[in-house]
Amino acid sequence: MNERRDQLRHRRKRRVSLEWSYNDDTGALNRIDCETLDISRQGMRIKSKTPLDPGSSVQLCVESATGQLWLLFAKLIWCQLQEDGFECGLTITSDGHDDFPHWARELDLLKSAAEDQKVQ
């Protein structure tokens, strides 16, 4: 796990609904409720009670600060067992058919607010 980041990460806890397709014959979607530990434009770190398979493509339903639900697509990069569940790293893989512009705008506002607090 590489801790170097190109983008500022914000420590924010949010509920995230995560769906992914197993590589089985049915292709059934399975939903897992997770919580974000930190977020950035490029990805997020989440906490899950269920182990997830690195390399899986997932659909995220993320709740915004104003309570709106946004759809994001991501790839699961890593998953590690912790004392209270699993911690996983995701990279956002926007395809233009999701709510990435809204996500990016909200993160820009968070970054701006953090910078304003540093100045004060």
Protein backbone atom coordinates (compact mmCIF):
# COMPACT_ATOMS: atom_id res chain seq x y z
CA MET A 1 0.00 0.00 0.00
CA ASN A 2 1.55 3.30 -1.11
CA GLU A 3 0.73 6.24 1.16
CA ARG A 4 1.93 8.91 -1.32
CA ARG A 5 -0.97 10.85 -2.75
CA ASP A 6 -1.26 13.14 -5.75
CA GLN A 7 -4.39 14.71 -4.31
CA LEU A 8 -5.22 16.03 -0.86
CA ARG A 9 -7.22 13.46 1.09
CA HIS A 10 -9.98 14.56 3.43
CA ARG A 11 -10.76 12.55 6.54
CA ARG A 12 -14.51 12.24 6.25
CA LYS A 13 -16.87 9.55 7.46
CA ARG A 14 -19.82 8.94 5.18
CA ARG A 15 -22.09 6.05 4.49
CA VAL A 16 -21.34 4.43 1.16
CA SER A 17 -23.38 1.75 -0.53
CA LEU A 18 -21.11 -0.47 -2.56
CA GLU A 19 -22.23 -2.84 -5.31
CA TRP A 20 -20.05 -5.22 -7.25
CA SER A 21 -20.53 -8.16 -9.54
CA TYR A 22 -19.11 -11.52 -8.55
CA ASN A 23 -17.34 -13.51 -11.24
CA ASP A 24 -19.88 -16.30 -11.00
CA ASP A 25 -22.38 -17.61 -13.53
CA THR A 26 -25.26 -15.45 -12.30
CA GLY A 27 -23.49 -12.08 -12.41
CA ALA A 28 -25.66 -11.05 -9.45
CA LEU A 29 -25.05 -7.65 -7.88
CA ASN A 30 -24.40 -7.69 -4.17
CA ARG A 31 -24.73 -4.63 -1.93
CA ILE A 32 -22.48 -3.84 1.01
CA ASP A 33 -22.81 -0.83 3.28
CA CYS A 34 -19.45 0.75 4.04
CA GLU A 35 -18.09 3.91 5.60
CA THR A 36 -15.45 6.18 4.13
CA LEU A 37 -12.34 6.83 6.20
CA ASP A 38 -10.81 9.38 3.84
CA ILE A 39 -11.65 10.67 0.39
CA SER A 40 -9.99 12.43 -2.54
CA ARG A 41 -10.83 13.17 -6.18
CA GLN A 42 -8.97 10.03 -7.22
CA GLY A 43 -10.19 7.57 -4.63
CA MET A 44 -11.15 6.70 -1.11
CA ARG A 45 -10.35 4.43 1.78
CA ILE A 46 -13.35 2.58 3.18
CA LYS A 47 -14.22 0.37 6.12
CA SER A 48 -16.28 -2.75 5.44
CA LYS A 49 -17.45 -5.72 7.49
CA THR A 50 -17.10 -7.89 4.36
CA PRO A 51 -13.84 -8.77 2.55
CA LEU A 52 -13.70 -7.43 -1.00
CA ASP A 53 -11.65 -8.75 -3.93
CA PRO A 54 -8.85 -6.46 -5.16
CA GLY A 55 -9.21 -5.82 -8.88
CA SER A 56 -13.02 -5.79 -8.70
CA SER A 57 -14.92 -3.01 -10.44
CA VAL A 58 -17.55 -1.49 -8.17
CA GLN A 59 -20.39 0.99 -8.26
CA LEU A 60 -20.50 3.40 -5.34
CA CYS A 61 -23.55 5.23 -4.12
CA VAL A 62 -22.06 8.09 -2.08
CA GLU A 63 -24.05 10.48 0.09
CA SER A 64 -22.99 14.11 -0.40
CA ALA A 65 -22.67 16.67 2.40
CA THR A 66 -26.15 17.92 1.44
CA GLY A 67 -27.68 14.44 1.50
CA GLN A 68 -27.78 13.87 -2.26
CA LEU A 69 -26.85 10.42 -3.54
CA TRP A 70 -24.18 10.24 -6.23
CA LEU A 71 -23.15 7.31 -8.41
CA LEU A 72 -19.41 6.73 -8.87
CA PHE A 73 -17.49 3.90 -10.50
CA ALA A 74 -14.30 2.61 -8.92
CA LYS A 75 -11.77 -0.20 -8.87
CA LEU A 76 -10.85 -1.96 -5.65
CA ILE A 77 -7.05 -1.74 -5.27
CA TRP A 78 -6.40 -3.39 -1.91
CA CYS A 79 -8.24 -4.89 1.08
CA GLN A 80 -6.70 -5.58 4.50
CA LEU A 81 -8.12 -7.34 7.54
CA GLN A 82 -8.40 -5.08 10.61
CA GLU A 83 -9.58 -5.83 14.17
CA ASP A 84 -13.09 -4.55 13.43
CA GLY A 85 -13.55 -5.53 9.79
CA PHE A 86 -11.74 -4.73 6.56
CA GLU A 87 -10.08 -1.58 5.27
CA CYS A 88 -10.04 -1.16 1.50
CA GLY A 89 -8.60 1.29 -1.02
CA LEU A 90 -10.55 2.32 -4.12
CA THR A 91 -9.56 4.31 -7.20
CA ILE A 92 -12.33 6.32 -8.90
CA THR A 93 -12.70 5.33 -12.57
CA SER A 94 -15.18 7.85 -13.96
CA ASP A 95 -16.55 6.98 -17.39
CA GLY A 96 -18.60 10.14 -17.99
CA HIS A 97 -21.87 8.38 -17.13
CA ASP A 98 -21.71 9.01 -13.40
CA ASP A 99 -21.78 11.84 -10.88
CA PHE A 100 -18.02 12.43 -10.81
CA PRO A 101 -18.36 16.18 -11.66
CA HIS A 102 -20.53 16.67 -8.53
CA TRP A 103 -18.08 14.62 -6.45
CA ALA A 104 -15.11 16.64 -7.70
CA ARG A 105 -16.90 19.95 -7.07
CA GLU A 106 -17.72 18.98 -3.48
CA LEU A 107 -14.11 17.95 -2.83
CA ASP A 108 -12.90 21.25 -4.28
CA LEU A 109 -15.18 23.05 -1.81
CA LEU A 110 -13.79 20.95 1.06
CA LYS A 111 -10.25 21.78 -0.03
CA SER A 112 -11.07 25.49 -0.26
CA ALA A 113 -12.67 25.46 3.21
CA ALA A 114 -9.60 23.70 4.66
CA GLU A 115 -7.30 26.29 3.08
CA ASP A 116 -9.46 29.14 4.43
CA GLN A 117 -9.16 27.68 7.94
CA LYS A 118 -5.36 27.58 7.64
CA VAL A 119 -5.29 31.29 6.70
CA GLN A 120 -7.42 32.31 9.68
